[in-house]
């Protein structure tokens, strides 16, 4: 059985969402509506310049939130399965099954954006990003086209 879960996170006050390079660990922010355009298949890390698919730039809080939701869904499925075993065992006089306490469900962490990065405009694409002060000073790569 396949289940589709949508995870959403509010952007910051300027409409930027957080990303993190899986290779160098640099955090940066991009406009949410620009990243969701159909022509954006991969992004370039502003710090190391290496292109990767958008999914490799998910931040730790998003990944942890997704893992918690997936684990909760698995626990719900197991609880339902044990409930079904208990009902089936009642009908059979040779098998007894008592399910006990339901498996625990964890509360997912709340998702929010910090506003701790500096805004910069890339002239090559006329698009903006928010970068750390260090990344901003070392002539960053454009996240959309990779121009340095």
C-alpha atoms as a PDB file:
ATOM      1  CA  UNK A   1       0.000   0.000   0.000  1.00  0.00           C
ATOM      2  CA  UNK A   2       1.386   3.385  -1.013  1.00  0.00           C
ATOM      3  CA  UNK A   3       0.673   6.556   0.958  1.00  0.00           C
ATOM      4  CA  UNK A   4       1.492  10.105  -0.104  1.00  0.00           C
ATOM      5  CA  UNK A   5       2.274  12.558   2.720  1.00  0.00           C
ATOM      6  CA  UNK A   6       2.779  16.268   2.060  1.00  0.00           C
ATOM      7  CA  UNK A   7       5.115  18.181   4.360  1.00  0.00           C
ATOM      8  CA  UNK A   8       4.905  21.946   4.323  1.00  0.00           C
ATOM      9  CA  UNK A   9       6.989  24.574   6.056  1.00  0.00           C
ATOM     10  CA  UNK A  10       6.218  28.265   6.259  1.00  0.00           C
ATOM     11  CA  UNK A  11       8.758  30.425   4.422  1.00  0.00           C
ATOM     12  CA  UNK A  12      10.417  33.372   6.156  1.00  0.00           C
ATOM     13  CA  UNK A  13       8.992  36.886   6.056  1.00  0.00           C
ATOM     14  CA  UNK A  14      10.604  37.562   2.648  1.00  0.00           C
ATOM     15  CA  UNK A  15       9.315  34.320   1.069  1.00  0.00           C
ATOM     16  CA  UNK A  16      12.581  32.351   1.324  1.00  0.00           C
ATOM     17  CA  UNK A  17      12.908  28.682   2.348  1.00  0.00           C
ATOM     18  CA  UNK A  18      15.958  26.934   3.788  1.00  0.00           C
ATOM     19  CA  UNK A  19      18.197  24.469   1.963  1.00  0.00           C
ATOM     20  CA  UNK A  20      21.378  22.688   3.035  1.00  0.00           C
ATOM     21  CA  UNK A  21      24.099  21.254   0.797  1.00  0.00           C
ATOM     22  CA  UNK A  22      24.568  17.551   1.501  1.00  0.00           C
ATOM     23  CA  UNK A  23      28.210  17.781   0.399  1.00  0.00           C
ATOM     24  CA  UNK A  24      29.658  20.824   2.194  1.00  0.00           C
ATOM     25  CA  UNK A  25      26.907  21.458   4.764  1.00  0.00           C
ATOM     26  CA  UNK A  26      26.369  25.101   3.747  1.00  0.00           C
ATOM     27  CA  UNK A  27      22.902  26.478   4.512  1.00  0.00           C
ATOM     28  CA  UNK A  28      21.196  28.967   2.216  1.00  0.00           C
ATOM     29  CA  UNK A  29      17.715  30.171   1.343  1.00  0.00           C
ATOM     30  CA  UNK A  30      15.925  30.529  -1.976  1.00  0.00           C
ATOM     31  CA  UNK A  31      12.547  31.934  -2.985  1.00  0.00           C
ATOM     32  CA  UNK A  32      10.033  29.129  -2.652  1.00  0.00           C
ATOM     33  CA  UNK A  33       8.122  29.946  -5.845  1.00  0.00           C
ATOM     34  CA  UNK A  34      11.347  30.037  -7.924  1.00  0.00           C
ATOM     35  CA  UNK A  35      12.509  26.611  -6.730  1.00  0.00           C
ATOM     36  CA  UNK A  36       9.107  25.054  -7.465  1.00  0.00           C
ATOM     37  CA  UNK A  37       9.158  26.100 -11.139  1.00  0.00           C
ATOM     38  CA  UNK A  38       9.127  23.233 -13.645  1.00  0.00           C
ATOM     39  CA  UNK A  39      12.443  24.176 -15.274  1.00  0.00           C
ATOM     40  CA  UNK A  40      14.404  23.856 -11.989  1.00  0.00           C
ATOM     41  CA  UNK A  41      15.622  20.250 -11.906  1.00  0.00           C
ATOM     42  CA  UNK A  42      18.748  20.695  -9.823  1.00  0.00           C
ATOM     43  CA  UNK A  43      20.385  23.422  -7.760  1.00  0.00           C
ATOM     44  CA  UNK A  44      23.984  24.535  -7.388  1.00  0.00           C
ATOM     45  CA  UNK A  45      25.367  24.974  -3.898  1.00  0.00           C
ATOM     46  CA  UNK A  46      26.328  28.667  -3.516  1.00  0.00           C
ATOM     47  CA  UNK A  47      29.406  27.666  -1.535  1.00  0.00           C
ATOM     48  CA  UNK A  48      30.927  24.629  -3.301  1.00  0.00           C
ATOM     49  CA  UNK A  49      29.159  25.051  -6.683  1.00  0.00           C
ATOM     50  CA  UNK A  50      28.385  21.355  -7.101  1.00  0.00           C
ATOM     51  CA  UNK A  51      24.961  20.657  -8.686  1.00  0.00           C
ATOM     52  CA  UNK A  52      22.586  18.176  -7.053  1.00  0.00           C
ATOM     53  CA  UNK A  53      18.884  17.308  -7.285  1.00  0.00           C
ATOM     54  CA  UNK A  54      16.621  19.507  -5.167  1.00  0.00           C
ATOM     55  CA  UNK A  55      15.786  16.587  -2.858  1.00  0.00           C
ATOM     56  CA  UNK A  56      19.421  16.388  -1.721  1.00  0.00           C
ATOM     57  CA  UNK A  57      19.139  19.925  -0.297  1.00  0.00           C
ATOM     58  CA  UNK A  58      16.418  19.182   2.284  1.00  0.00           C
ATOM     59  CA  UNK A  59      17.311  20.527   5.728  1.00  0.00           C
ATOM     60  CA  UNK A  60      17.737  18.338   8.809  1.00  0.00           C
ATOM     61  CA  UNK A  61      14.467  19.513  10.384  1.00  0.00           C
ATOM     62  CA  UNK A  62      12.483  18.535   7.277  1.00  0.00           C
ATOM     63  CA  UNK A  63      14.153  15.097   7.138  1.00  0.00           C
ATOM     64  CA  UNK A  64      13.549  14.496  10.854  1.00  0.00           C
ATOM     65  CA  UNK A  65       9.920  15.589  10.489  1.00  0.00           C
ATOM     66  CA  UNK A  66       9.444  13.216   7.528  1.00  0.00           C
ATOM     67  CA  UNK A  67      11.014  10.307   9.433  1.00  0.00           C
ATOM     68  CA  UNK A  68       8.720  10.917  12.411  1.00  0.00           C
ATOM     69  CA  UNK A  69       5.643  11.012  10.156  1.00  0.00           C
ATOM     70  CA  UNK A  70       6.722   7.803   8.408  1.00  0.00           C
ATOM     71  CA  UNK A  71       7.365   6.055  11.735  1.00  0.00           C
ATOM     72  CA  UNK A  72       3.972   7.193  13.066  1.00  0.00           C
ATOM     73  CA  UNK A  73       2.281   5.856   9.936  1.00  0.00           C
ATOM     74  CA  UNK A  74       4.058   2.504  10.393  1.00  0.00           C
ATOM     75  CA  UNK A  75       2.982   2.370  14.059  1.00  0.00           C
ATOM     76  CA  UNK A  76      -0.636   3.097  13.075  1.00  0.00           C
ATOM     77  CA  UNK A  77      -0.521   0.321  10.480  1.00  0.00           C
ATOM     78  CA  UNK A  78       0.901  -2.143  13.048  1.00  0.00           C
ATOM     79  CA  UNK A  79      -1.712  -1.126  15.631  1.00  0.00           C
ATOM     80  CA  UNK A  80      -4.450  -1.759  13.049  1.00  0.00           C
ATOM     81  CA  UNK A  81      -2.865  -5.109  12.139  1.00  0.00           C
ATOM     82  CA  UNK A  82      -2.781  -6.246  15.784  1.00  0.00           C
ATOM     83  CA  UNK A  83      -6.393  -5.117  16.202  1.00  0.00           C
ATOM     84  CA  UNK A  84      -7.306  -7.307  13.223  1.00  0.00           C
ATOM     85  CA  UNK A  85      -5.386 -10.286  14.663  1.00  0.00           C
ATOM     86  CA  UNK A  86      -7.279  -9.914  17.921  1.00  0.00           C
ATOM     87  CA  UNK A  87     -10.648  -9.907  16.125  1.00  0.00           C
ATOM     88  CA  UNK A  88      -9.662 -12.959  14.060  1.00  0.00           C
ATOM     89  CA  UNK A  89      -8.412 -14.826  17.142  1.00  0.00           C
ATOM     90  CA  UNK A  90     -11.763 -14.325  18.926  1.00  0.00           C
ATOM     91  CA  UNK A  91     -13.447 -16.396  16.234  1.00  0.00           C
ATOM     92  CA  UNK A  92     -10.958 -19.278  16.577  1.00  0.00           C
ATOM     93  CA  UNK A  93     -11.151 -21.496  19.666  1.00  0.00           C
ATOM     94  CA  UNK A  94      -7.587 -22.886  19.176  1.00  0.00           C
ATOM     95  CA  UNK A  95      -5.748 -19.527  19.038  1.00  0.00           C
ATOM     96  CA  UNK A  96      -5.728 -16.755  21.607  1.00  0.00           C
ATOM     97  CA  UNK A  97      -4.199 -13.371  20.946  1.00  0.00           C
ATOM     98  CA  UNK A  98      -4.279 -10.250  23.127  1.00  0.00           C
ATOM     99  CA  UNK A  99      -2.790  -7.132  21.537  1.00  0.00           C
ATOM    100  CA  UNK A 100      -1.873  -5.193  24.699  1.00  0.00           C
ATOM    101  CA  UNK A 101      -1.094  -1.483  24.629  1.00  0.00           C
ATOM    102  CA  UNK A 102      -0.988   0.278  21.266  1.00  0.00           C
ATOM    103  CA  UNK A 103       2.442   1.197  19.924  1.00  0.00           C
ATOM    104  CA  UNK A 104       3.389   4.805  20.752  1.00  0.00           C
ATOM    105  CA  UNK A 105       3.016   7.693  18.326  1.00  0.00           C
ATOM    106  CA  UNK A 106       5.599  10.520  18.502  1.00  0.00           C
ATOM    107  CA  UNK A 107       4.781  14.184  18.061  1.00  0.00           C
ATOM    108  CA  UNK A 108       6.619  15.570  15.001  1.00  0.00           C
ATOM    109  CA  UNK A 109       8.768  18.639  15.596  1.00  0.00           C
ATOM    110  CA  UNK A 110       7.346  21.988  14.602  1.00  0.00           C
ATOM    111  CA  UNK A 111       8.804  23.513  11.458  1.00  0.00           C
ATOM    112  CA  UNK A 112       9.718  27.182  11.237  1.00  0.00           C
ATOM    113  CA  UNK A 113      12.191  29.409   9.404  1.00  0.00           C
ATOM    114  CA  UNK A 114      14.925  31.406  11.104  1.00  0.00           C
ATOM    115  CA  UNK A 115      15.723  34.761   9.552  1.00  0.00           C
ATOM    116  CA  UNK A 116      19.495  34.670  10.016  1.00  0.00           C
ATOM    117  CA  UNK A 117      20.994  35.010   6.524  1.00  0.00           C
ATOM    118  CA  UNK A 118      21.917  37.962   4.283  1.00  0.00           C
ATOM    119  CA  UNK A 119      20.115  38.601   0.984  1.00  0.00           C
ATOM    120  CA  UNK A 120      22.063  38.774  -2.284  1.00  0.00           C
ATOM    121  CA  UNK A 121      20.976  39.165  -5.916  1.00  0.00           C
ATOM    122  CA  UNK A 122      22.588  37.134  -8.694  1.00  0.00           C
ATOM    123  CA  UNK A 123      22.862  39.265 -11.848  1.00  0.00           C
ATOM    124  CA  UNK A 124      23.185  36.236 -14.158  1.00  0.00           C
ATOM    125  CA  UNK A 125      19.600  35.097 -13.469  1.00  0.00           C
ATOM    126  CA  UNK A 126      18.174  38.189 -11.768  1.00  0.00           C
ATOM    127  CA  UNK A 127      17.196  35.988  -8.812  1.00  0.00           C
ATOM    128  CA  UNK A 128      17.792  36.467  -5.109  1.00  0.00           C
ATOM    129  CA  UNK A 129      19.071  34.163  -2.389  1.00  0.00           C
ATOM    130  CA  UNK A 130      19.968  34.445   1.262  1.00  0.00           C
ATOM    131  CA  UNK A 131      23.451  33.319   2.244  1.00  0.00           C
ATOM    132  CA  UNK A 132      25.646  33.291   5.316  1.00  0.00           C
ATOM    133  CA  UNK A 133      27.972  36.242   5.668  1.00  0.00           C
ATOM    134  CA  UNK A 134      30.987  34.030   4.851  1.00  0.00           C
ATOM    135  CA  UNK A 135      29.430  32.629   1.659  1.00  0.00           C
ATOM    136  CA  UNK A 136      28.419  36.113   0.606  1.00  0.00           C
ATOM    137  CA  UNK A 137      31.995  37.422   0.818  1.00  0.00           C
ATOM    138  CA  UNK A 138      33.722  34.648  -1.187  1.00  0.00           C
ATOM    139  CA  UNK A 139      31.882  35.256  -4.475  1.00  0.00           C
ATOM    140  CA  UNK A 140      29.209  32.559  -4.324  1.00  0.00           C
ATOM    141  CA  UNK A 141      27.898  30.395  -7.151  1.00  0.00           C
ATOM    142  CA  UNK A 142      24.412  31.100  -8.495  1.00  0.00           C
ATOM    143  CA  UNK A 143      22.087  28.386  -7.157  1.00  0.00           C
ATOM    144  CA  UNK A 144      20.129  28.306 -10.426  1.00  0.00           C
ATOM    145  CA  UNK A 145      22.775  28.359 -13.176  1.00  0.00           C
ATOM    146  CA  UNK A 146      26.073  27.791 -11.311  1.00  0.00           C
ATOM    147  CA  UNK A 147      27.796  30.962 -12.547  1.00  0.00           C
ATOM    148  CA  UNK A 148      30.522  32.158 -10.175  1.00  0.00           C
END
